[in-house]
């Protein structure tokens, strides 16, 4: 399974945000594109992918592609589903999630707890503009990619990643948007490190 943890530093932690101004809602537009890049293919949904969207270091919305239903690739629909999830935050108690819909759950977990929760599933890989280039290493099995939204990792997040991450990789010579980075990471894995097409 491939997993992605995306940190939404400025994303709203409540359901009180407009669907008509996603960029003004803590750059929720970027996070919606990340969800889309992680779980969707052209005319389909990827298998065996989990996306963990950490919102303001308070909540984590988990998207599981194998059971995901009623989610469509446009930003507005994804944002509406995120709003549905945050509207049920009172039902998330400790490590018990609020079940939003098939394939979507809301956890009352910040970044550290989410990282601790999934770190045993596979190698943690930080995606960062200053990492080792992807072609220089072999793709890991069952990776957990961690990346930030439009802002850099905080000092505390960088410390946690230094403790947990086995690798720090970059997807190319140019700095890309987070959703583009996810697409490149998928392609790297899809092609077994750019060797199988």
N, C-alpha and C. Protein backbone atom coordinates (compact mmCIF):
# COMPACT_ATOMS: atom_id res chain seq x y z
N UNK A 1 0.84 -1.20 0.00
CA UNK A 1 0.00 0.00 0.00
C UNK A 1 0.87 1.24 0.00
N UNK A 2 0.42 2.23 -0.74
CA UNK A 2 1.08 3.54 -0.72
C UNK A 2 0.29 4.46 0.19
N UNK A 3 1.01 5.24 0.99
CA UNK A 3 0.34 6.19 1.86
C UNK A 3 0.98 7.56 1.69
N UNK A 4 0.15 8.57 1.84
CA UNK A 4 0.60 9.96 1.78
C UNK A 4 0.07 10.68 3.01
N UNK A 5 0.94 11.41 3.67
CA UNK A 5 0.53 12.30 4.76
C UNK A 5 0.82 13.71 4.27
N UNK A 6 -0.22 14.52 4.19
CA UNK A 6 -0.07 15.90 3.75
C UNK A 6 -0.47 16.82 4.89
N UNK A 7 0.40 17.75 5.21
CA UNK A 7 0.16 18.68 6.31
C UNK A 7 -0.49 19.95 5.78
N UNK A 8 -1.69 20.22 6.25
CA UNK A 8 -2.40 21.45 5.90
C UNK A 8 -2.30 22.42 7.06
N UNK A 9 -1.27 23.25 7.05
CA UNK A 9 -0.99 24.11 8.20
C UNK A 9 -2.06 25.16 8.47
N UNK A 10 -2.59 25.76 7.43
CA UNK A 10 -3.55 26.85 7.60
C UNK A 10 -4.98 26.44 7.31
N UNK A 11 -5.19 25.18 7.04
CA UNK A 11 -6.54 24.71 6.69
C UNK A 11 -7.48 24.87 7.88
N UNK A 12 -8.73 25.18 7.63
CA UNK A 12 -9.68 25.35 8.72
C UNK A 12 -9.93 24.04 9.46
N UNK A 13 -10.04 24.12 10.77
CA UNK A 13 -10.30 22.94 11.60
C UNK A 13 -11.78 22.81 11.93
N UNK A 14 -12.61 23.63 11.31
CA UNK A 14 -14.05 23.54 11.47
C UNK A 14 -14.68 23.48 10.08
N UNK A 15 -15.98 23.21 10.06
CA UNK A 15 -16.69 23.13 8.78
C UNK A 15 -17.15 24.50 8.29
N UNK A 16 -16.75 25.54 8.98
CA UNK A 16 -17.21 26.89 8.63
C UNK A 16 -16.29 27.54 7.60
N UNK A 17 -16.36 27.07 6.38
CA UNK A 17 -15.60 27.72 5.31
C UNK A 17 -16.43 27.66 4.03
N UNK A 18 -16.27 28.65 3.17
CA UNK A 18 -17.06 28.69 1.94
C UNK A 18 -16.45 27.82 0.85
N UNK A 19 -17.29 27.21 0.06
CA UNK A 19 -16.82 26.40 -1.06
C UNK A 19 -16.45 27.27 -2.26
N UNK A 20 -16.79 28.55 -2.20
CA UNK A 20 -16.52 29.45 -3.32
C UNK A 20 -15.17 30.14 -3.21
N UNK A 21 -14.46 29.96 -2.10
CA UNK A 21 -13.15 30.60 -1.94
C UNK A 21 -12.22 29.63 -1.21
N UNK A 22 -11.85 28.54 -1.88
CA UNK A 22 -11.03 27.52 -1.24
C UNK A 22 -9.60 28.01 -1.00
N UNK A 23 -9.08 28.86 -1.88
CA UNK A 23 -7.73 29.37 -1.65
C UNK A 23 -7.71 30.29 -0.44
N UNK A 24 -8.81 30.99 -0.19
CA UNK A 24 -8.90 31.86 0.98
C UNK A 24 -9.19 31.11 2.26
N UNK A 25 -9.51 29.84 2.15
CA UNK A 25 -9.79 29.00 3.32
C UNK A 25 -8.54 28.20 3.66
N UNK A 26 -7.44 28.89 3.94
CA UNK A 26 -6.21 28.22 4.34
C UNK A 26 -5.59 27.39 3.24
N UNK A 27 -5.77 27.83 1.99
CA UNK A 27 -5.26 27.11 0.81
C UNK A 27 -5.81 25.69 0.74
N UNK A 28 -7.09 25.57 1.04
CA UNK A 28 -7.76 24.28 0.94
C UNK A 28 -7.78 23.76 -0.49
N UNK A 29 -7.65 24.68 -1.45
CA UNK A 29 -7.59 24.25 -2.85
C UNK A 29 -6.40 23.33 -3.09
N UNK A 30 -5.26 23.65 -2.50
CA UNK A 30 -4.07 22.81 -2.65
C UNK A 30 -4.32 21.43 -2.05
N UNK A 31 -4.93 21.40 -0.88
CA UNK A 31 -5.17 20.14 -0.19
C UNK A 31 -6.16 19.28 -0.97
N UNK A 32 -7.16 19.90 -1.57
CA UNK A 32 -8.12 19.14 -2.39
C UNK A 32 -7.42 18.54 -3.60
N UNK A 33 -6.53 19.30 -4.21
CA UNK A 33 -5.78 18.76 -5.35
C UNK A 33 -4.88 17.61 -4.90
N UNK A 34 -4.34 17.69 -3.69
CA UNK A 34 -3.52 16.60 -3.17
C UNK A 34 -4.33 15.32 -3.00
N UNK A 35 -5.53 15.46 -2.48
CA UNK A 35 -6.41 14.29 -2.33
C UNK A 35 -6.67 13.69 -3.71
N UNK A 36 -7.02 14.54 -4.67
CA UNK A 36 -7.29 14.06 -6.02
C UNK A 36 -6.10 13.36 -6.64
N UNK A 37 -4.91 13.95 -6.49
CA UNK A 37 -3.70 13.36 -7.06
C UNK A 37 -3.38 12.02 -6.41
N UNK A 38 -3.68 11.89 -5.14
CA UNK A 38 -3.36 10.66 -4.40
C UNK A 38 -4.27 9.50 -4.78
N UNK A 39 -5.56 9.76 -4.93
CA UNK A 39 -6.49 8.63 -5.05
C UNK A 39 -7.07 8.41 -6.45
N UNK A 40 -7.00 9.41 -7.34
CA UNK A 40 -7.67 9.25 -8.63
C UNK A 40 -6.71 8.94 -9.77
N UNK A 41 -7.22 8.14 -10.70
CA UNK A 41 -6.62 7.93 -12.01
C UNK A 41 -7.59 8.55 -13.02
N UNK A 42 -7.21 8.58 -14.28
CA UNK A 42 -8.15 9.01 -15.30
C UNK A 42 -9.29 7.99 -15.36
N UNK A 43 -10.48 8.42 -15.09
CA UNK A 43 -11.68 7.57 -15.12
C UNK A 43 -11.62 6.42 -14.11
N UNK A 44 -11.00 6.65 -12.97
CA UNK A 44 -10.97 5.59 -11.97
C UNK A 44 -10.29 6.02 -10.68
N UNK A 45 -10.26 5.08 -9.76
CA UNK A 45 -9.63 5.30 -8.46
C UNK A 45 -8.48 4.31 -8.34
N UNK A 46 -7.37 4.79 -7.83
CA UNK A 46 -6.21 3.91 -7.60
C UNK A 46 -6.55 2.89 -6.53
N UNK A 47 -5.91 1.74 -6.61
CA UNK A 47 -6.06 0.72 -5.57
C UNK A 47 -4.93 0.86 -4.56
N UNK A 48 -5.23 0.50 -3.34
CA UNK A 48 -4.23 0.39 -2.27
C UNK A 48 -3.49 1.70 -1.98
N UNK A 49 -4.26 2.78 -1.85
CA UNK A 49 -3.69 4.07 -1.49
C UNK A 49 -4.45 4.63 -0.29
N UNK A 50 -3.71 5.14 0.66
CA UNK A 50 -4.32 5.88 1.78
C UNK A 50 -3.74 7.28 1.81
N UNK A 51 -4.63 8.24 1.95
CA UNK A 51 -4.25 9.64 2.04
C UNK A 51 -4.66 10.14 3.41
N UNK A 52 -3.71 10.69 4.15
CA UNK A 52 -3.96 11.25 5.48
C UNK A 52 -3.79 12.76 5.38
N UNK A 53 -4.87 13.48 5.48
CA UNK A 53 -4.83 14.94 5.40
C UNK A 53 -4.88 15.49 6.82
N UNK A 54 -3.75 16.04 7.28
CA UNK A 54 -3.65 16.57 8.64
C UNK A 54 -4.05 18.04 8.59
N UNK A 55 -5.11 18.37 9.29
CA UNK A 55 -5.69 19.71 9.26
C UNK A 55 -5.33 20.47 10.52
N UNK A 56 -4.54 21.53 10.35
CA UNK A 56 -4.16 22.43 11.45
C UNK A 56 -3.61 21.69 12.66
N UNK A 57 -2.99 20.54 12.44
CA UNK A 57 -2.39 19.72 13.50
C UNK A 57 -3.38 19.34 14.59
N UNK A 58 -4.67 19.29 14.22
CA UNK A 58 -5.72 18.91 15.18
C UNK A 58 -6.47 17.65 14.76
N UNK A 59 -6.75 17.55 13.46
CA UNK A 59 -7.55 16.44 12.94
C UNK A 59 -6.84 15.84 11.74
N UNK A 60 -7.10 14.56 11.52
CA UNK A 60 -6.62 13.89 10.32
C UNK A 60 -7.80 13.24 9.63
N UNK A 61 -7.95 13.58 8.35
CA UNK A 61 -8.98 12.98 7.53
C UNK A 61 -8.30 11.92 6.69
N UNK A 62 -8.78 10.69 6.82
CA UNK A 62 -8.18 9.56 6.10
C UNK A 62 -9.08 9.16 4.94
N UNK A 63 -8.47 9.07 3.76
CA UNK A 63 -9.14 8.60 2.55
C UNK A 63 -8.52 7.26 2.19
N UNK A 64 -9.33 6.20 2.13
CA UNK A 64 -8.84 4.86 1.78
C UNK A 64 -9.41 4.51 0.41
N UNK A 65 -8.55 4.46 -0.60
CA UNK A 65 -9.03 4.29 -1.98
C UNK A 65 -9.75 2.96 -2.20
N UNK A 66 -9.43 1.95 -1.42
CA UNK A 66 -10.04 0.64 -1.64
C UNK A 66 -11.52 0.59 -1.26
N UNK A 67 -11.94 1.49 -0.38
CA UNK A 67 -13.35 1.49 0.05
C UNK A 67 -14.04 2.83 -0.22
N UNK A 68 -13.34 3.73 -0.87
CA UNK A 68 -13.84 5.09 -1.09
C UNK A 68 -15.03 5.10 -2.02
N UNK A 69 -16.07 5.82 -1.61
CA UNK A 69 -17.28 5.98 -2.43
C UNK A 69 -17.73 7.43 -2.38
N UNK A 70 -18.45 7.83 -3.41
CA UNK A 70 -19.07 9.16 -3.49
C UNK A 70 -18.06 10.30 -3.36
N UNK A 71 -16.89 10.12 -3.96
CA UNK A 71 -15.91 11.20 -4.04
C UNK A 71 -15.56 11.38 -5.50
N UNK A 72 -15.53 12.61 -5.94
CA UNK A 72 -15.25 12.92 -7.35
C UNK A 72 -14.05 13.85 -7.43
N UNK A 73 -13.36 13.88 -8.58
CA UNK A 73 -12.05 14.54 -8.62
C UNK A 73 -12.03 16.06 -8.67
N UNK A 74 -13.17 16.73 -8.67
CA UNK A 74 -13.12 18.19 -8.71
C UNK A 74 -12.92 18.76 -7.30
N UNK A 75 -12.24 19.88 -7.23
CA UNK A 75 -11.88 20.49 -5.94
C UNK A 75 -13.10 20.79 -5.07
N UNK A 76 -14.14 21.29 -5.67
CA UNK A 76 -15.32 21.68 -4.88
C UNK A 76 -15.96 20.47 -4.19
N UNK A 77 -16.07 19.35 -4.91
CA UNK A 77 -16.64 18.15 -4.31
C UNK A 77 -15.75 17.62 -3.19
N UNK A 78 -14.45 17.60 -3.43
CA UNK A 78 -13.53 17.14 -2.38
C UNK A 78 -13.62 18.05 -1.17
N UNK A 79 -13.67 19.36 -1.40
CA UNK A 79 -13.80 20.32 -0.29
C UNK A 79 -15.10 20.10 0.48
N UNK A 80 -16.17 19.81 -0.23
CA UNK A 80 -17.46 19.56 0.43
C UNK A 80 -17.37 18.32 1.32
N UNK A 81 -16.64 17.29 0.85
CA UNK A 81 -16.48 16.08 1.66
C UNK A 81 -15.59 16.35 2.87
N UNK A 82 -14.57 17.20 2.71
CA UNK A 82 -13.74 17.59 3.85
C UNK A 82 -14.58 18.35 4.86
N UNK A 83 -15.46 19.22 4.36
CA UNK A 83 -16.36 19.96 5.25
C UNK A 83 -17.30 19.01 5.99
N UNK A 84 -17.80 17.99 5.28
CA UNK A 84 -18.65 16.98 5.93
C UNK A 84 -17.88 16.29 7.06
N UNK A 85 -16.63 15.98 6.80
CA UNK A 85 -15.80 15.30 7.81
C UNK A 85 -15.61 16.19 9.03
N UNK A 86 -15.26 17.45 8.81
CA UNK A 86 -15.03 18.37 9.93
C UNK A 86 -16.31 18.67 10.68
N UNK A 87 -17.43 18.55 10.01
CA UNK A 87 -18.71 18.75 10.68
C UNK A 87 -19.00 17.64 11.69
N UNK A 88 -18.31 16.50 11.54
CA UNK A 88 -18.51 15.38 12.46
C UNK A 88 -17.38 15.25 13.48
N UNK A 89 -16.62 16.32 13.68
CA UNK A 89 -15.44 16.22 14.56
C UNK A 89 -15.80 15.88 16.01
N UNK A 90 -17.01 16.21 16.44
CA UNK A 90 -17.41 15.87 17.81
C UNK A 90 -17.53 14.37 18.00
N UNK A 91 -17.72 13.63 16.91
CA UNK A 91 -17.86 12.17 16.99
C UNK A 91 -16.52 11.44 17.01
N UNK A 92 -15.43 12.16 16.74
CA UNK A 92 -14.10 11.55 16.80
C UNK A 92 -13.58 11.67 18.22
N UNK A 93 -13.41 10.53 18.87
CA UNK A 93 -13.02 10.51 20.29
C UNK A 93 -11.71 9.75 20.42
N UNK A 94 -10.67 10.45 20.87
CA UNK A 94 -9.38 9.80 21.01
C UNK A 94 -8.92 9.23 19.69
N UNK A 95 -8.57 7.96 19.69
CA UNK A 95 -8.13 7.31 18.46
C UNK A 95 -9.28 6.66 17.70
N UNK A 96 -10.51 6.83 18.21
CA UNK A 96 -11.68 6.29 17.51
C UNK A 96 -12.17 7.32 16.50
N UNK A 97 -12.29 6.92 15.24
CA UNK A 97 -12.66 7.90 14.22
C UNK A 97 -14.15 8.14 14.13
N UNK A 98 -14.48 9.26 13.52
CA UNK A 98 -15.85 9.49 13.07
C UNK A 98 -15.90 8.99 11.64
N UNK A 99 -16.83 8.08 11.35
CA UNK A 99 -16.95 7.55 10.00
C UNK A 99 -17.82 8.50 9.18
N UNK A 100 -17.20 9.13 8.22
CA UNK A 100 -17.87 10.14 7.41
C UNK A 100 -18.69 9.50 6.32
N UNK A 101 -18.08 8.60 5.59
CA UNK A 101 -18.74 7.84 4.52
C UNK A 101 -17.79 6.71 4.15
N UNK A 102 -18.21 5.78 3.30
CA UNK A 102 -17.29 4.69 2.94
C UNK A 102 -15.95 5.22 2.43
N UNK A 103 -14.88 4.78 3.08
CA UNK A 103 -13.54 5.17 2.68
C UNK A 103 -13.05 6.48 3.26
N UNK A 104 -13.85 7.14 4.08
CA UNK A 104 -13.45 8.42 4.69
C UNK A 104 -13.70 8.37 6.19
N UNK A 105 -12.66 8.72 6.95
CA UNK A 105 -12.78 8.79 8.41
C UNK A 105 -12.08 10.04 8.91
N UNK A 106 -12.58 10.57 10.01
CA UNK A 106 -11.96 11.72 10.66
C UNK A 106 -11.44 11.29 12.02
N UNK A 107 -10.16 11.55 12.26
CA UNK A 107 -9.51 11.23 13.52
C UNK A 107 -9.15 12.51 14.26
N UNK A 108 -9.22 12.46 15.57
CA UNK A 108 -8.78 13.59 16.38
C UNK A 108 -7.28 13.40 16.67
N UNK A 109 -6.50 13.46 15.62
CA UNK A 109 -5.06 13.24 15.71
C UNK A 109 -4.33 14.32 14.93
N UNK A 110 -3.27 14.84 15.53
CA UNK A 110 -2.40 15.76 14.82
C UNK A 110 -1.32 15.00 14.08
N UNK A 111 -0.31 15.72 13.60
CA UNK A 111 0.72 15.10 12.78
C UNK A 111 1.50 14.03 13.54
N UNK A 112 1.94 14.34 14.74
CA UNK A 112 2.77 13.38 15.48
C UNK A 112 2.03 12.08 15.72
N UNK A 113 0.78 12.16 16.16
CA UNK A 113 0.00 10.95 16.44
C UNK A 113 -0.30 10.18 15.15
N UNK A 114 -0.55 10.89 14.07
CA UNK A 114 -0.80 10.22 12.79
C UNK A 114 0.46 9.51 12.31
N UNK A 115 1.59 10.18 12.44
CA UNK A 115 2.86 9.56 12.04
C UNK A 115 3.15 8.32 12.88
N UNK A 116 2.94 8.43 14.18
CA UNK A 116 3.14 7.27 15.06
C UNK A 116 2.20 6.13 14.68
N UNK A 117 0.98 6.48 14.29
CA UNK A 117 -0.04 5.49 13.97
C UNK A 117 0.30 4.66 12.73
N UNK A 118 0.94 5.29 11.75
CA UNK A 118 1.18 4.59 10.48
C UNK A 118 2.64 4.19 10.26
N UNK A 119 3.55 4.66 11.10
CA UNK A 119 4.98 4.45 10.86
C UNK A 119 5.38 2.98 10.76
N UNK A 120 4.63 2.11 11.40
CA UNK A 120 4.98 0.68 11.35
C UNK A 120 4.49 0.01 10.07
N UNK A 121 3.72 0.73 9.24
CA UNK A 121 3.18 0.15 8.00
C UNK A 121 4.22 0.06 6.88
N UNK A 122 5.28 0.83 6.98
CA UNK A 122 6.29 0.86 5.93
C UNK A 122 7.29 1.96 6.18
N UNK A 123 8.23 2.14 5.27
CA UNK A 123 9.24 3.19 5.46
C UNK A 123 8.65 4.58 5.27
N UNK A 124 8.99 5.48 6.18
CA UNK A 124 8.55 6.87 6.08
C UNK A 124 9.54 7.61 5.19
N UNK A 125 9.02 8.31 4.19
CA UNK A 125 9.84 9.04 3.22
C UNK A 125 9.38 10.49 3.20
N UNK A 126 10.27 11.40 3.55
CA UNK A 126 9.95 12.81 3.48
C UNK A 126 10.20 13.30 2.06
N UNK A 127 9.20 13.95 1.47
CA UNK A 127 9.36 14.56 0.16
C UNK A 127 9.67 16.04 0.37
N UNK A 128 10.85 16.44 -0.09
CA UNK A 128 11.32 17.80 0.19
C UNK A 128 12.22 18.26 -0.95
N UNK A 129 12.20 19.53 -1.24
CA UNK A 129 12.98 20.09 -2.35
C UNK A 129 14.48 19.91 -2.17
N UNK A 130 14.93 19.66 -0.94
CA UNK A 130 16.36 19.53 -0.69
C UNK A 130 16.79 18.07 -0.46
N UNK A 131 15.95 17.12 -0.88
CA UNK A 131 16.27 15.71 -0.68
C UNK A 131 17.11 15.12 -1.79
N UNK A 132 17.37 13.84 -1.68
CA UNK A 132 18.08 13.08 -2.71
C UNK A 132 17.16 12.90 -3.91
N UNK A 133 17.66 13.05 -5.14
CA UNK A 133 16.79 12.86 -6.32
C UNK A 133 16.23 11.43 -6.39
N UNK A 134 14.99 11.31 -6.80
CA UNK A 134 14.35 9.99 -6.90
C UNK A 134 15.16 8.97 -7.70
N UNK A 135 15.71 9.33 -8.87
CA UNK A 135 16.42 8.31 -9.65
C UNK A 135 17.67 7.75 -8.97
N UNK A 136 18.13 8.40 -7.91
CA UNK A 136 19.35 7.93 -7.23
C UNK A 136 19.08 6.80 -6.26
N UNK A 137 17.80 6.48 -6.02
CA UNK A 137 17.48 5.42 -5.05
C UNK A 137 16.45 4.48 -5.66
N UNK A 138 16.30 3.32 -5.05
CA UNK A 138 15.28 2.36 -5.49
C UNK A 138 13.97 2.62 -4.76
N UNK A 139 12.85 2.47 -5.45
CA UNK A 139 11.56 2.69 -4.78
C UNK A 139 11.34 1.70 -3.64
N UNK A 140 10.92 2.18 -2.48
CA UNK A 140 10.65 1.27 -1.36
C UNK A 140 9.30 0.60 -1.51
N UNK A 141 9.13 -0.49 -0.79
CA UNK A 141 7.83 -1.17 -0.74
C UNK A 141 6.98 -0.51 0.34
N UNK A 142 5.71 -0.32 0.06
CA UNK A 142 4.74 0.23 1.01
C UNK A 142 5.21 1.55 1.64
N UNK A 143 5.60 2.53 0.82
CA UNK A 143 6.11 3.78 1.38
C UNK A 143 5.03 4.64 1.99
N UNK A 144 5.45 5.45 2.95
CA UNK A 144 4.59 6.46 3.57
C UNK A 144 5.25 7.80 3.27
N UNK A 145 4.75 8.49 2.27
CA UNK A 145 5.31 9.78 1.86
C UNK A 145 4.73 10.89 2.72
N UNK A 146 5.58 11.78 3.19
CA UNK A 146 5.14 12.91 3.99
C UNK A 146 5.55 14.19 3.27
N UNK A 147 4.59 15.08 3.08
CA UNK A 147 4.89 16.35 2.45
C UNK A 147 4.03 17.45 3.03
N UNK A 148 4.47 18.67 2.81
CA UNK A 148 3.79 19.83 3.36
C UNK A 148 2.98 20.53 2.28
N UNK A 149 2.10 21.39 2.71
CA UNK A 149 1.28 22.16 1.77
C UNK A 149 2.13 23.28 1.14
N UNK A 150 1.63 24.48 1.08
CA UNK A 150 2.36 25.60 0.47
C UNK A 150 3.40 26.21 1.40
N UNK A 151 3.46 25.75 2.64
CA UNK A 151 4.47 26.24 3.58
C UNK A 151 5.43 25.11 3.94
N UNK A 152 6.59 25.48 4.43
CA UNK A 152 7.59 24.48 4.78
C UNK A 152 7.21 23.81 6.11
N UNK A 153 7.88 22.69 6.39
CA UNK A 153 7.68 22.02 7.67
C UNK A 153 8.10 22.94 8.81
N UNK A 154 7.38 22.89 9.92
CA UNK A 154 7.79 23.63 11.11
C UNK A 154 9.02 22.95 11.71
N UNK A 155 9.66 23.62 12.65
CA UNK A 155 10.82 23.02 13.31
C UNK A 155 10.45 21.71 14.00
N UNK A 156 9.29 21.68 14.66
CA UNK A 156 8.85 20.47 15.35
C UNK A 156 8.57 19.34 14.35
N UNK A 157 7.93 19.66 13.24
CA UNK A 157 7.66 18.65 12.22
C UNK A 157 8.97 18.11 11.64
N UNK A 158 9.93 19.00 11.43
CA UNK A 158 11.23 18.57 10.91
C UNK A 158 11.93 17.64 11.90
N UNK A 159 11.79 17.92 13.19
CA UNK A 159 12.37 17.04 14.22
C UNK A 159 11.72 15.66 14.18
N UNK A 160 10.41 15.62 14.08
CA UNK A 160 9.69 14.34 14.02
C UNK A 160 10.10 13.55 12.79
N UNK A 161 10.25 14.24 11.67
CA UNK A 161 10.65 13.55 10.45
C UNK A 161 12.09 13.06 10.54
N UNK A 162 12.94 13.81 11.21
CA UNK A 162 14.33 13.37 11.40
C UNK A 162 14.37 12.08 12.21
N UNK A 163 13.42 11.92 13.13
CA UNK A 163 13.34 10.70 13.95
C UNK A 163 12.73 9.52 13.19
N UNK A 164 11.75 9.79 12.33
CA UNK A 164 10.98 8.71 11.70
C UNK A 164 11.36 8.39 10.26
N UNK A 165 11.77 9.39 9.49
CA UNK A 165 11.96 9.19 8.06
C UNK A 165 13.25 8.43 7.76
N UNK A 166 13.11 7.43 6.91
CA UNK A 166 14.28 6.67 6.47
C UNK A 166 14.98 7.34 5.30
N UNK A 167 14.23 8.15 4.55
CA UNK A 167 14.80 8.85 3.41
C UNK A 167 14.18 10.23 3.29
N UNK A 168 14.94 11.13 2.67
CA UNK A 168 14.45 12.47 2.31
C UNK A 168 14.71 12.61 0.82
N UNK A 169 13.62 12.66 0.04
CA UNK A 169 13.75 12.62 -1.41
C UNK A 169 13.12 13.84 -2.06
N UNK A 170 13.62 14.18 -3.24
CA UNK A 170 13.01 15.24 -4.05
C UNK A 170 12.61 14.64 -5.38
N UNK A 171 11.55 15.19 -5.94
CA UNK A 171 10.99 14.60 -7.15
C UNK A 171 11.57 15.18 -8.43
N UNK A 172 12.33 16.26 -8.35
CA UNK A 172 12.90 16.85 -9.55
C UNK A 172 13.70 18.09 -9.23
N UNK A 173 14.28 18.71 -10.26
CA UNK A 173 15.13 19.87 -10.05
C UNK A 173 14.37 21.15 -9.72
N UNK A 174 13.08 21.18 -10.04
CA UNK A 174 12.26 22.36 -9.76
C UNK A 174 11.33 22.07 -8.58
N UNK A 175 11.00 23.11 -7.82
CA UNK A 175 10.05 22.97 -6.73
C UNK A 175 8.64 22.93 -7.30
N UNK A 176 7.92 21.86 -6.98
CA UNK A 176 6.57 21.66 -7.50
C UNK A 176 5.52 21.90 -6.42
N UNK A 177 4.28 22.06 -6.84
CA UNK A 177 3.17 22.09 -5.90
C UNK A 177 3.03 20.71 -5.26
N UNK A 178 2.43 20.66 -4.10
CA UNK A 178 2.31 19.40 -3.36
C UNK A 178 1.57 18.34 -4.18
N UNK A 179 0.49 18.73 -4.86
CA UNK A 179 -0.26 17.74 -5.65
C UNK A 179 0.56 17.22 -6.82
N UNK A 180 1.36 18.09 -7.43
CA UNK A 180 2.24 17.65 -8.52
C UNK A 180 3.30 16.68 -7.99
N UNK A 181 3.78 16.95 -6.80
CA UNK A 181 4.77 16.08 -6.17
C UNK A 181 4.19 14.68 -5.95
N UNK A 182 2.94 14.61 -5.53
CA UNK A 182 2.28 13.32 -5.35
C UNK A 182 2.18 12.58 -6.67
N UNK A 183 1.83 13.29 -7.74
CA UNK A 183 1.72 12.66 -9.06
C UNK A 183 3.06 12.09 -9.50
N UNK A 184 4.14 12.84 -9.29
CA UNK A 184 5.47 12.36 -9.68
C UNK A 184 5.86 11.14 -8.83
N UNK A 185 5.56 11.18 -7.54
CA UNK A 185 5.88 10.03 -6.67
C UNK A 185 5.11 8.79 -7.12
N UNK A 186 3.85 8.95 -7.48
CA UNK A 186 3.08 7.82 -8.01
C UNK A 186 3.74 7.28 -9.28
N UNK A 187 4.12 8.17 -10.18
CA UNK A 187 4.73 7.72 -11.44
C UNK A 187 6.03 6.99 -11.18
N UNK A 188 6.81 7.44 -10.24
CA UNK A 188 8.07 6.78 -9.87
C UNK A 188 7.80 5.35 -9.42
N UNK A 189 6.77 5.17 -8.59
CA UNK A 189 6.42 3.83 -8.12
C UNK A 189 5.78 3.01 -9.24
N UNK A 190 4.91 3.64 -10.04
CA UNK A 190 4.23 2.93 -11.13
C UNK A 190 5.23 2.35 -12.13
N UNK A 191 6.35 3.02 -12.29
CA UNK A 191 7.34 2.61 -13.30
C UNK A 191 8.55 1.91 -12.67
N UNK A 192 8.43 1.49 -11.42
CA UNK A 192 9.52 0.81 -10.72
C UNK A 192 10.82 1.62 -10.82
N UNK A 193 10.70 2.92 -10.49
CA UNK A 193 11.88 3.77 -10.52
C UNK A 193 12.25 4.20 -11.91
N UNK A 194 11.24 4.45 -12.75
CA UNK A 194 11.42 4.89 -14.14
C UNK A 194 12.07 3.84 -15.02
N UNK A 195 11.85 2.56 -14.72
CA UNK A 195 12.47 1.50 -15.53
C UNK A 195 11.46 0.66 -16.30
N UNK A 196 10.17 0.74 -15.93
CA UNK A 196 9.15 -0.09 -16.61
C UNK A 196 8.01 0.79 -17.11
N UNK A 197 7.79 0.76 -18.40
CA UNK A 197 6.71 1.53 -18.99
C UNK A 197 5.83 0.65 -19.85
